[in-house]
Amino acid sequence: MSQFAAISHSNSVVFGGRKKAAKTTQTKTGRITWSFLLVSLICAAGVFYIFEVNNAATQGYKIQSLEKQAQELSDSNEKLKIKEAELRSMYNIEEKTKDLNMTAPKDVSYLTLPGNVAMK
């Protein structure tokens, strides 16, 4: 058997013994640390939840506003179609010609050309 020298914490030399591993101090996480982490996680989840609910409500108001605007534009479009039909009516055209002092044409003659002019 061979002998060897080992250095201990007291810096003394011991012959014939094995060197003992130095004890490492491990940090132990106690109940308070885990509780703190759990409470922090719950608070963070709560803040995230409130942020998302607020964001969803804001988007809901925007959608509602856009739907209202689309309905108003649709109603306006229908009113404009009715106004167009009224302005194109023959009665309205006759009234406008009277207002502009226009007269109805008399003795209308049509010009006839030989061949198919519109077909060319």
C-alpha atoms as a PDB file:
ATOM      1  CA  MET A   1       0.000   0.000   0.000  1.00  0.00           C
ATOM      2  CA  SER A   2       1.171   3.373  -0.829  1.00  0.00           C
ATOM      3  CA  GLN A   3       0.876   6.359   1.362  1.00  0.00           C
ATOM      4  CA  PHE A   4       0.106   9.856   0.179  1.00  0.00           C
ATOM      5  CA  ALA A   5      -0.219  13.275   1.663  1.00  0.00           C
ATOM      6  CA  ALA A   6      -3.559  15.072   1.934  1.00  0.00           C
ATOM      7  CA  ILE A   7      -4.110  18.702   2.731  1.00  0.00           C
ATOM      8  CA  SER A   8      -7.019  19.490   4.978  1.00  0.00           C
ATOM      9  CA  HIS A   9      -8.695  22.760   5.781  1.00  0.00           C
ATOM     10  CA  SER A  10      -6.304  23.423   8.601  1.00  0.00           C
ATOM     11  CA  ASN A  11      -3.433  23.255   6.141  1.00  0.00           C
ATOM     12  CA  SER A  12      -1.910  20.334   8.040  1.00  0.00           C
ATOM     13  CA  VAL A  13      -0.594  17.290   6.264  1.00  0.00           C
ATOM     14  CA  VAL A  14      -2.033  13.893   7.115  1.00  0.00           C
ATOM     15  CA  PHE A  15      -0.231  10.842   5.884  1.00  0.00           C
ATOM     16  CA  GLY A  16      -2.108   7.711   4.975  1.00  0.00           C
ATOM     17  CA  GLY A  17      -5.576   9.195   4.794  1.00  0.00           C
ATOM     18  CA  ARG A  18      -7.689  10.056   1.852  1.00  0.00           C
ATOM     19  CA  LYS A  19      -8.610  13.566   0.994  1.00  0.00           C
ATOM     20  CA  LYS A  20     -12.205  14.298   1.848  1.00  0.00           C
ATOM     21  CA  ALA A  21     -14.237  16.226  -0.662  1.00  0.00           C
ATOM     22  CA  ALA A  22     -14.939  19.722   0.420  1.00  0.00           C
ATOM     23  CA  LYS A  23     -18.579  20.223   1.282  1.00  0.00           C
ATOM     24  CA  THR A  24     -20.325  22.482  -1.169  1.00  0.00           C
ATOM     25  CA  THR A  25     -23.014  24.714   0.169  1.00  0.00           C
ATOM     26  CA  GLN A  26     -26.171  24.363  -1.884  1.00  0.00           C
ATOM     27  CA  THR A  27     -28.687  27.160  -1.868  1.00  0.00           C
ATOM     28  CA  LYS A  28     -31.952  25.813  -0.682  1.00  0.00           C
ATOM     29  CA  THR A  29     -35.094  27.444  -1.895  1.00  0.00           C
ATOM     30  CA  GLY A  30     -37.531  27.621   0.902  1.00  0.00           C
ATOM     31  CA  ARG A  31     -41.249  28.025   1.088  1.00  0.00           C
ATOM     32  CA  ILE A  32     -40.997  31.804   1.071  1.00  0.00           C
ATOM     33  CA  THR A  33     -39.119  31.847  -2.231  1.00  0.00           C
ATOM     34  CA  TRP A  34     -41.582  29.476  -3.918  1.00  0.00           C
ATOM     35  CA  SER A  35     -44.504  31.448  -2.509  1.00  0.00           C
ATOM     36  CA  PHE A  36     -43.008  34.677  -3.822  1.00  0.00           C
ATOM     37  CA  LEU A  37     -42.516  33.144  -7.269  1.00  0.00           C
ATOM     38  CA  LEU A  38     -46.059  31.788  -7.283  1.00  0.00           C
ATOM     39  CA  VAL A  39     -47.582  35.123  -6.265  1.00  0.00           C
ATOM     40  CA  SER A  40     -45.451  36.929  -8.873  1.00  0.00           C
ATOM     41  CA  LEU A  41     -46.601  34.502 -11.562  1.00  0.00           C
ATOM     42  CA  ILE A  42     -50.262  34.938 -10.593  1.00  0.00           C
ATOM     43  CA  CYS A  43     -49.885  38.738 -10.644  1.00  0.00           C
ATOM     44  CA  ALA A  44     -48.233  38.639 -14.062  1.00  0.00           C
ATOM     45  CA  ALA A  45     -51.006  36.399 -15.397  1.00  0.00           C
ATOM     46  CA  GLY A  46     -53.610  38.802 -13.972  1.00  0.00           C
ATOM     47  CA  VAL A  47     -51.996  41.812 -15.629  1.00  0.00           C
ATOM     48  CA  PHE A  48     -51.794  39.925 -18.933  1.00  0.00           C
ATOM     49  CA  TYR A  49     -55.484  38.913 -18.618  1.00  0.00           C
ATOM     50  CA  ILE A  50     -56.594  42.496 -17.947  1.00  0.00           C
ATOM     51  CA  PHE A  51     -54.540  43.727 -20.912  1.00  0.00           C
ATOM     52  CA  GLU A  52     -56.128  41.159 -23.246  1.00  0.00           C
ATOM     53  CA  VAL A  53     -59.677  41.874 -22.033  1.00  0.00           C
ATOM     54  CA  ASN A  54     -59.106  45.598 -22.571  1.00  0.00           C
ATOM     55  CA  ASN A  55     -57.699  44.934 -26.041  1.00  0.00           C
ATOM     56  CA  ALA A  56     -60.694  42.748 -26.958  1.00  0.00           C
ATOM     57  CA  ALA A  57     -63.137  45.414 -25.751  1.00  0.00           C
ATOM     58  CA  THR A  58     -61.349  48.091 -27.773  1.00  0.00           C
ATOM     59  CA  GLN A  59     -61.460  45.936 -30.892  1.00  0.00           C
ATOM     60  CA  GLY A  60     -65.168  45.308 -30.269  1.00  0.00           C
ATOM     61  CA  TYR A  61     -65.881  49.041 -30.194  1.00  0.00           C
ATOM     62  CA  LYS A  62     -63.907  49.546 -33.411  1.00  0.00           C
ATOM     63  CA  ILE A  63     -65.825  46.756 -35.139  1.00  0.00           C
ATOM     64  CA  GLN A  64     -69.141  48.160 -33.949  1.00  0.00           C
ATOM     65  CA  SER A  65     -68.187  51.625 -35.222  1.00  0.00           C
ATOM     66  CA  LEU A  66     -67.171  50.248 -38.628  1.00  0.00           C
ATOM     67  CA  GLU A  67     -70.397  48.232 -38.912  1.00  0.00           C
ATOM     68  CA  LYS A  68     -72.409  51.361 -38.125  1.00  0.00           C
ATOM     69  CA  GLN A  69     -70.463  53.322 -40.747  1.00  0.00           C
ATOM     70  CA  ALA A  70     -71.044  50.556 -43.331  1.00  0.00           C
ATOM     71  CA  GLN A  71     -74.788  50.616 -42.594  1.00  0.00           C
ATOM     72  CA  GLU A  72     -74.899  54.416 -42.975  1.00  0.00           C
ATOM     73  CA  LEU A  73     -73.069  54.196 -46.306  1.00  0.00           C
ATOM     74  CA  SER A  74     -75.466  51.492 -47.493  1.00  0.00           C
ATOM     75  CA  ASP A  75     -78.463  53.663 -46.574  1.00  0.00           C
ATOM     76  CA  SER A  76     -76.880  56.654 -48.308  1.00  0.00           C
ATOM     77  CA  ASN A  77     -76.281  54.528 -51.408  1.00  0.00           C
ATOM     78  CA  GLU A  78     -79.940  53.484 -51.493  1.00  0.00           C
ATOM     79  CA  LYS A  79     -81.047  57.118 -51.190  1.00  0.00           C
ATOM     80  CA  LEU A  80     -78.738  58.105 -54.045  1.00  0.00           C
ATOM     81  CA  LYS A  81     -80.163  55.335 -56.254  1.00  0.00           C
ATOM     82  CA  ILE A  82     -83.685  56.602 -55.572  1.00  0.00           C
ATOM     83  CA  LYS A  83     -82.593  60.182 -56.327  1.00  0.00           C
ATOM     84  CA  GLU A  84     -80.998  59.011 -59.599  1.00  0.00           C
ATOM     85  CA  ALA A  85     -84.193  57.241 -60.649  1.00  0.00           C
ATOM     86  CA  GLU A  86     -86.207  60.376 -59.882  1.00  0.00           C
ATOM     87  CA  LEU A  87     -83.843  62.577 -61.900  1.00  0.00           C
ATOM     88  CA  ARG A  88     -83.933  60.199 -64.885  1.00  0.00           C
ATOM     89  CA  SER A  89     -87.720  60.070 -64.948  1.00  0.00           C
ATOM     90  CA  MET A  90     -89.413  61.501 -68.025  1.00  0.00           C
ATOM     91  CA  TYR A  91     -91.600  63.786 -65.916  1.00  0.00           C
ATOM     92  CA  ASN A  92     -88.543  65.391 -64.330  1.00  0.00           C
ATOM     93  CA  ILE A  93     -86.817  65.808 -67.693  1.00  0.00           C
ATOM     94  CA  GLU A  94     -89.893  67.560 -69.130  1.00  0.00           C
ATOM     95  CA  GLU A  95     -90.038  69.885 -66.132  1.00  0.00           C
ATOM     96  CA  LYS A  96     -86.347  70.773 -66.517  1.00  0.00           C
ATOM     97  CA  THR A  97     -86.829  71.573 -70.216  1.00  0.00           C
ATOM     98  CA  LYS A  98     -89.602  74.018 -69.289  1.00  0.00           C
ATOM     99  CA  ASP A  99     -87.386  75.633 -66.661  1.00  0.00           C
ATOM    100  CA  LEU A 100     -84.585  76.094 -69.207  1.00  0.00           C
ATOM    101  CA  ASN A 101     -87.001  77.572 -71.830  1.00  0.00           C
ATOM    102  CA  MET A 102     -86.423  74.709 -74.223  1.00  0.00           C
ATOM    103  CA  THR A 103     -89.045  73.875 -76.816  1.00  0.00           C
ATOM    104  CA  ALA A 104     -90.173  70.538 -78.168  1.00  0.00           C
ATOM    105  CA  PRO A 105     -88.922  69.808 -81.705  1.00  0.00           C
ATOM    106  CA  LYS A 106     -91.385  70.182 -84.601  1.00  0.00           C
ATOM    107  CA  ASP A 107     -91.288  68.537 -88.003  1.00  0.00           C
ATOM    108  CA  VAL A 108     -88.636  65.939 -87.259  1.00  0.00           C
ATOM    109  CA  SER A 109     -86.961  64.492 -90.319  1.00  0.00           C
ATOM    110  CA  TYR A 110     -84.603  61.551 -90.281  1.00  0.00           C
ATOM    111  CA  LEU A 111     -81.638  61.156 -92.568  1.00  0.00           C
ATOM    112  CA  THR A 112     -81.209  57.772 -94.207  1.00  0.00           C
ATOM    113  CA  LEU A 113     -77.871  56.722 -95.581  1.00  0.00           C
ATOM    114  CA  PRO A 114     -77.298  53.891 -98.005  1.00  0.00           C
ATOM    115  CA  GLY A 115     -75.708  50.785 -96.505  1.00  0.00           C
ATOM    116  CA  ASN A 116     -74.914  49.814 -92.999  1.00  0.00           C
ATOM    117  CA  VAL A 117     -73.129  52.796 -91.534  1.00  0.00           C
ATOM    118  CA  ALA A 118     -73.128  51.619 -87.928  1.00  0.00           C
ATOM    119  CA  MET A 119     -71.713  48.234 -88.907  1.00  0.00           C
ATOM    120  CA  LYS A 120     -68.405  49.547 -90.187  1.00  0.00           C
END
